Amino acid sequence: MASISLPKHSLPSLLPTLKPITSSSQNLPILSKSSQSQFYGLKFSHSTSLSIPSSSVKNTILAKVNKGQAPPSFTLKDQDGKTLSLSKFKGKPVVVYFYPADETPGCTKQACAFRDSYEKFKKAGAEVVGISGDDPSSHKAFAKKYRLPFTLLSDEGNKIRKEWGVPADLFGTLPGRQTYVLDKKGVVQLIYNNQFQPEKHIDETLKLLQSL
């Protein structure tokens, strides 16, 4: 494990204030206050020392997938341990969103926002797929806890993240949060990156899908 020591009281100046998560659906689980010791994609204790998996400490990756291109294909395991390939979605739009990690505040907020708007994505004929470096069992627990109706894929080792060129944040210590919208032909029509406003990914992708 790599460790980054930050000066006392430096986090508030670096990071935005977390707001409580709200859900438009009754009785759906949302992020608890106790989870706010985990900032977006980084998990840390109440001390001033951040513990980051050494595999995450890498330089920012220059984008390799651009609008108008077909991205590299992939075959990954979903939350049930079944293999799924990108080619399965040919013939329909698909939203592929890369996120830092399960059970962190920003990622939970983003996943729940996709969940709450899932019917709108279905109405647009689109599939939603989330990808992170967590293993299938972590994805399964995450999906069950928050009742996520869409697929989560396990990119252990971040191979696909690297192939797609998803840039990292916070000097390369935080895996990037980037969303791609592919059209029916598998061509990228939107690339949206916003680490600190996870819910904006849903707004931007729906706007694009409604115009296809």
Protein backbone atom coordinates (compact mmCIF):
# COMPACT_ATOMS: atom_id res chain seq x y z
CA MET A 1 0.00 0.00 0.00
CA ALA A 2 1.23 3.48 -0.87
CA SER A 3 0.63 6.20 1.71
CA ILE A 4 0.17 9.93 1.18
CA SER A 5 0.44 12.16 4.24
CA LEU A 6 -1.46 15.43 3.97
CA PRO A 7 -0.99 18.51 6.18
CA LYS A 8 -3.54 18.88 8.95
CA HIS A 9 -6.82 20.47 7.81
CA SER A 10 -5.70 20.34 4.14
CA LEU A 11 -8.56 18.12 2.89
CA PRO A 12 -11.35 20.74 3.12
CA SER A 13 -9.33 23.11 0.96
CA LEU A 14 -8.70 20.43 -1.68
CA LEU A 15 -12.05 18.69 -1.77
CA PRO A 16 -15.63 19.91 -2.16
CA THR A 17 -18.11 19.63 0.68
CA LEU A 18 -20.14 16.44 0.43
CA LYS A 19 -23.90 16.92 0.35
CA PRO A 20 -26.41 14.35 1.63
CA ILE A 21 -27.72 12.02 -1.03
CA THR A 22 -31.41 12.21 -1.77
CA SER A 23 -33.45 9.68 -3.65
CA SER A 24 -36.67 10.20 -5.54
CA SER A 25 -37.67 6.60 -4.92
CA GLN A 26 -39.24 5.54 -1.63
CA ASN A 27 -37.39 3.13 0.62
CA LEU A 28 -34.31 2.94 -1.59
CA PRO A 29 -31.01 2.88 0.29
CA ILE A 30 -28.82 5.95 0.15
CA LEU A 31 -25.38 6.83 1.43
CA SER A 32 -25.10 6.86 5.20
CA LYS A 33 -23.29 9.54 7.18
CA SER A 34 -20.79 6.99 8.42
CA SER A 35 -19.61 6.45 4.84
CA GLN A 36 -18.50 10.06 4.51
CA SER A 37 -15.08 9.15 5.88
CA GLN A 38 -14.53 7.85 2.33
CA PHE A 39 -14.07 10.64 -0.19
CA TYR A 40 -15.37 9.76 -3.65
CA GLY A 41 -12.91 7.10 -4.85
CA LEU A 42 -10.41 7.20 -1.98
CA LYS A 43 -10.93 5.34 1.28
CA PHE A 44 -9.32 6.82 4.36
CA SER A 45 -9.62 6.97 8.14
CA HIS A 46 -10.30 10.08 10.24
CA SER A 47 -6.57 10.70 10.53
CA THR A 48 -4.68 12.79 8.00
CA SER A 49 -3.10 9.81 6.26
CA LEU A 50 -4.63 8.54 3.01
CA SER A 51 -4.23 4.85 2.20
CA ILE A 52 -4.31 4.23 -1.53
CA PRO A 53 -3.83 0.91 -3.33
CA SER A 54 -0.41 1.07 -4.95
CA SER A 55 -1.94 -0.07 -8.24
CA SER A 56 -3.92 3.19 -8.30
CA VAL A 57 -0.89 5.47 -7.99
CA LYS A 58 -0.16 6.13 -11.64
CA ASN A 59 0.35 9.07 -13.92
CA THR A 60 -2.59 10.59 -15.74
CA ILE A 61 -3.40 8.60 -18.88
CA LEU A 62 -3.84 10.55 -22.11
CA ALA A 63 -7.18 9.84 -23.80
CA LYS A 64 -7.00 7.09 -26.39
CA VAL A 65 -10.70 6.91 -27.26
CA ASN A 66 -12.18 9.95 -28.99
CA LYS A 67 -15.62 10.98 -30.15
CA GLY A 68 -16.40 9.41 -33.50
CA GLN A 69 -14.30 6.31 -32.82
CA ALA A 70 -15.21 2.74 -31.91
CA PRO A 71 -13.52 1.97 -28.57
CA PRO A 72 -11.53 -1.21 -27.88
CA SER A 73 -13.77 -4.18 -27.20
CA PHE A 74 -13.70 -6.00 -23.87
CA THR A 75 -14.89 -9.15 -22.16
CA LEU A 76 -15.27 -8.85 -18.38
CA LYS A 77 -17.09 -10.55 -15.52
CA ASP A 78 -20.27 -9.00 -14.17
CA GLN A 79 -21.54 -8.94 -10.58
CA ASP A 80 -22.81 -12.51 -10.98
CA GLY A 81 -19.48 -13.81 -12.26
CA LYS A 82 -20.76 -14.16 -15.84
CA THR A 83 -18.65 -12.94 -18.75
CA LEU A 84 -20.02 -10.12 -20.87
CA SER A 85 -18.60 -8.54 -24.01
CA LEU A 86 -19.10 -5.03 -25.35
CA SER A 87 -20.19 -6.54 -28.67
CA LYS A 88 -23.36 -7.80 -26.95
CA PHE A 89 -24.74 -4.26 -27.05
CA LYS A 90 -24.33 -3.72 -30.81
CA GLY A 91 -27.60 -2.49 -32.26
CA LYS A 92 -28.56 -0.34 -29.28
CA PRO A 93 -27.04 2.68 -27.51
CA VAL A 94 -24.96 1.90 -24.45
CA VAL A 95 -23.69 4.08 -21.61
CA VAL A 96 -20.35 2.86 -20.28
CA TYR A 97 -19.25 4.66 -17.15
CA PHE A 98 -15.91 4.15 -15.40
CA TYR A 99 -15.91 4.96 -11.68
CA PRO A 100 -13.23 4.75 -8.95
CA ALA A 101 -14.63 2.19 -6.48
CA ASP A 102 -17.69 0.58 -4.93
CA GLU A 103 -19.03 1.97 -1.64
CA THR A 104 -17.38 5.40 -1.83
CA PRO A 105 -19.62 8.48 -1.52
CA GLY A 106 -19.26 9.86 -5.05
CA CYS A 107 -19.56 6.44 -6.67
CA THR A 108 -22.59 5.53 -4.57
CA LYS A 109 -24.21 8.85 -5.42
CA GLN A 110 -23.56 8.30 -9.12
CA ALA A 111 -24.81 4.70 -9.10
CA CYS A 112 -28.00 5.69 -7.26
CA ALA A 113 -28.58 8.54 -9.73
CA PHE A 114 -28.30 6.08 -12.64
CA ARG A 115 -30.67 3.79 -10.74
CA ASP A 116 -33.25 6.52 -10.17
CA SER A 117 -33.18 7.52 -13.87
CA TYR A 118 -32.95 3.95 -15.18
CA GLU A 119 -36.47 4.02 -16.67
CA LYS A 120 -35.47 7.07 -18.74
CA PHE A 121 -32.48 5.17 -20.11
CA LYS A 122 -34.70 2.19 -20.94
CA LYS A 123 -37.16 4.50 -22.69
CA ALA A 124 -34.27 5.78 -24.81
CA GLY A 125 -33.45 2.15 -25.64
CA ALA A 126 -30.06 2.34 -23.93
CA GLU A 127 -28.16 -0.02 -21.65
CA VAL A 128 -26.12 1.20 -18.67
CA VAL A 129 -22.84 -0.48 -17.71
CA GLY A 130 -20.59 0.55 -14.81
CA ILE A 131 -16.92 -0.47 -14.69
CA SER A 132 -14.39 -0.32 -11.85
CA GLY A 133 -11.44 -2.33 -10.59
CA ASP A 134 -13.48 -4.03 -7.85
CA ASP A 135 -13.99 -7.80 -8.05
CA PRO A 136 -17.37 -9.41 -8.90
CA SER A 137 -18.22 -10.15 -5.25
CA SER A 138 -17.76 -6.48 -4.34
CA HIS A 139 -19.98 -5.49 -7.28
CA LYS A 140 -22.61 -8.01 -6.22
CA ALA A 141 -22.78 -6.63 -2.68
CA PHE A 142 -22.82 -3.04 -3.97
CA ALA A 143 -25.61 -3.74 -6.48
CA LYS A 144 -27.68 -5.61 -3.89
CA LYS A 145 -27.29 -2.97 -1.18
CA TYR A 146 -28.40 -0.12 -3.44
CA ARG A 147 -30.75 -2.15 -5.66
CA LEU A 148 -28.92 -1.30 -8.85
CA PRO A 149 -30.81 -2.62 -11.90
CA PHE A 150 -27.90 -2.39 -14.35
CA THR A 151 -24.68 -4.29 -15.02
CA LEU A 152 -21.43 -3.73 -13.13
CA LEU A 153 -18.26 -5.12 -14.66
CA SER A 154 -15.00 -6.02 -12.94
CA ASP A 155 -11.88 -4.55 -14.55
CA GLU A 156 -9.35 -5.99 -12.12
CA GLY A 157 -5.92 -4.59 -12.89
CA ASN A 158 -7.59 -1.67 -14.70
CA LYS A 159 -6.67 -3.12 -18.10
CA ILE A 160 -9.74 -1.76 -19.92
CA ARG A 161 -9.49 1.59 -18.14
CA LYS A 162 -5.96 1.92 -19.54
CA GLU A 163 -6.95 0.76 -23.03
CA TRP A 164 -9.73 3.33 -23.17
CA GLY A 165 -7.41 5.99 -21.77
CA VAL A 166 -9.51 7.09 -18.80
CA PRO A 167 -7.50 9.88 -17.13
CA ALA A 168 -6.78 9.79 -13.38
CA ASP A 169 -7.34 12.65 -10.93
CA LEU A 170 -5.58 14.09 -7.87
CA PHE A 171 -2.08 13.76 -9.36
CA GLY A 172 -2.75 10.23 -10.59
CA THR A 173 -3.85 8.83 -7.21
CA LEU A 174 -7.60 8.69 -7.92
CA PRO A 175 -9.02 6.55 -10.75
CA GLY A 176 -10.96 8.76 -13.14
CA ARG A 177 -14.73 9.09 -13.39
CA GLN A 178 -15.52 9.13 -17.10
CA THR A 179 -18.66 8.25 -19.07
CA TYR A 180 -18.97 7.23 -22.70
CA VAL A 181 -22.14 7.06 -24.80
CA LEU A 182 -21.94 4.68 -27.74
CA ASP A 183 -24.56 4.74 -30.51
CA LYS A 184 -26.20 1.72 -32.14
CA LYS A 185 -23.13 1.17 -34.31
CA GLY A 186 -20.78 1.15 -31.32
CA VAL A 187 -19.31 4.57 -32.12
CA VAL A 188 -18.59 7.03 -29.30
CA GLN A 189 -20.89 10.05 -29.41
CA LEU A 190 -20.09 11.55 -26.01
CA ILE A 191 -17.21 11.51 -23.54
CA TYR A 192 -17.95 13.18 -20.22
CA ASN A 193 -15.50 13.56 -17.33
CA ASN A 194 -16.49 15.06 -13.98
CA GLN A 195 -14.99 13.56 -10.82
CA PHE A 196 -16.64 15.82 -8.27
CA GLN A 197 -20.21 16.12 -9.63
CA PRO A 198 -21.15 12.47 -10.16
CA GLU A 199 -24.83 13.17 -10.82
CA LYS A 200 -23.97 15.39 -13.80
CA HIS A 201 -23.00 12.25 -15.73
CA ILE A 202 -26.64 11.20 -15.77
CA ASP A 203 -27.89 14.60 -16.98
CA GLU A 204 -25.35 14.81 -19.80
CA THR A 205 -25.85 11.25 -21.05
CA LEU A 206 -29.64 11.55 -21.10
CA LYS A 207 -29.41 14.80 -23.08
CA LEU A 208 -27.28 13.07 -25.71
CA LEU A 209 -29.41 9.91 -25.84
CA GLN A 210 -32.58 11.92 -26.37
CA SER A 211 -30.98 13.58 -29.39
CA LEU A 212 -29.83 10.35 -31.11
